[in-house]
Amino acid sequence: MKKNIRLVLLGELLLFVIVFTLLIVGGSYGLSAVAWFLDLPSLLIIIMILIPGLMIMGEWKDFTKAFSVGIKDYRLLELKNIIEAVDAAQKLTVFAALFAIIISGVLILGHIDDLSMIGPNLAVCFLSGLYAVIIEFFLLPLRLNAERKMNEEMDMEDE
């Protein structure tokens, strides 16, 4: 059975939005709390490390192919390269988030004299980690799909 990875990712996005909405609406803060989870600089740091990092390593082309595994047919070597590219993206995402968290932490400690700002700044500091978790949430099915397809290809070669 061919699985369309794009539908899987869309389903994951829908699941994420529903769970996030239930958590926010179910809390005592209401929908106004959604703004607390938006921090463009943190997201940009992760993206500005992830995409150029993949390009520098020569993995960008294979990474983009991960979105069409199961739709297009790939040879065994191509699938292996796709898995390695997604693995590199996962690692870069974690490293980028750690980088952003450390930079934010240093900036917070640099302004520790204003105690009223520590809480909000610390919350923003953790958003990079949240964004990394969300990105990993979408990278994992890409990797699993490519690994499953590679195993199917290896199984067909054995027969």
Foldseek 3Di string as FASTA:
>chain_A
DQDQLVVVLVVLVVVVVVVVQCVQCVDPPHPVCVVLLDDVVLVVLLVVQLQVVCVVVVLNVLCVCLNCQSVDDDALVSLVSNLVSLVSSLVSLVVSLVVQLVVLVVVLVVPVVPVVCNVSSNSVSCSSVVVSVVVVSSSVSSNVSSVVSSVVNVVVVVD
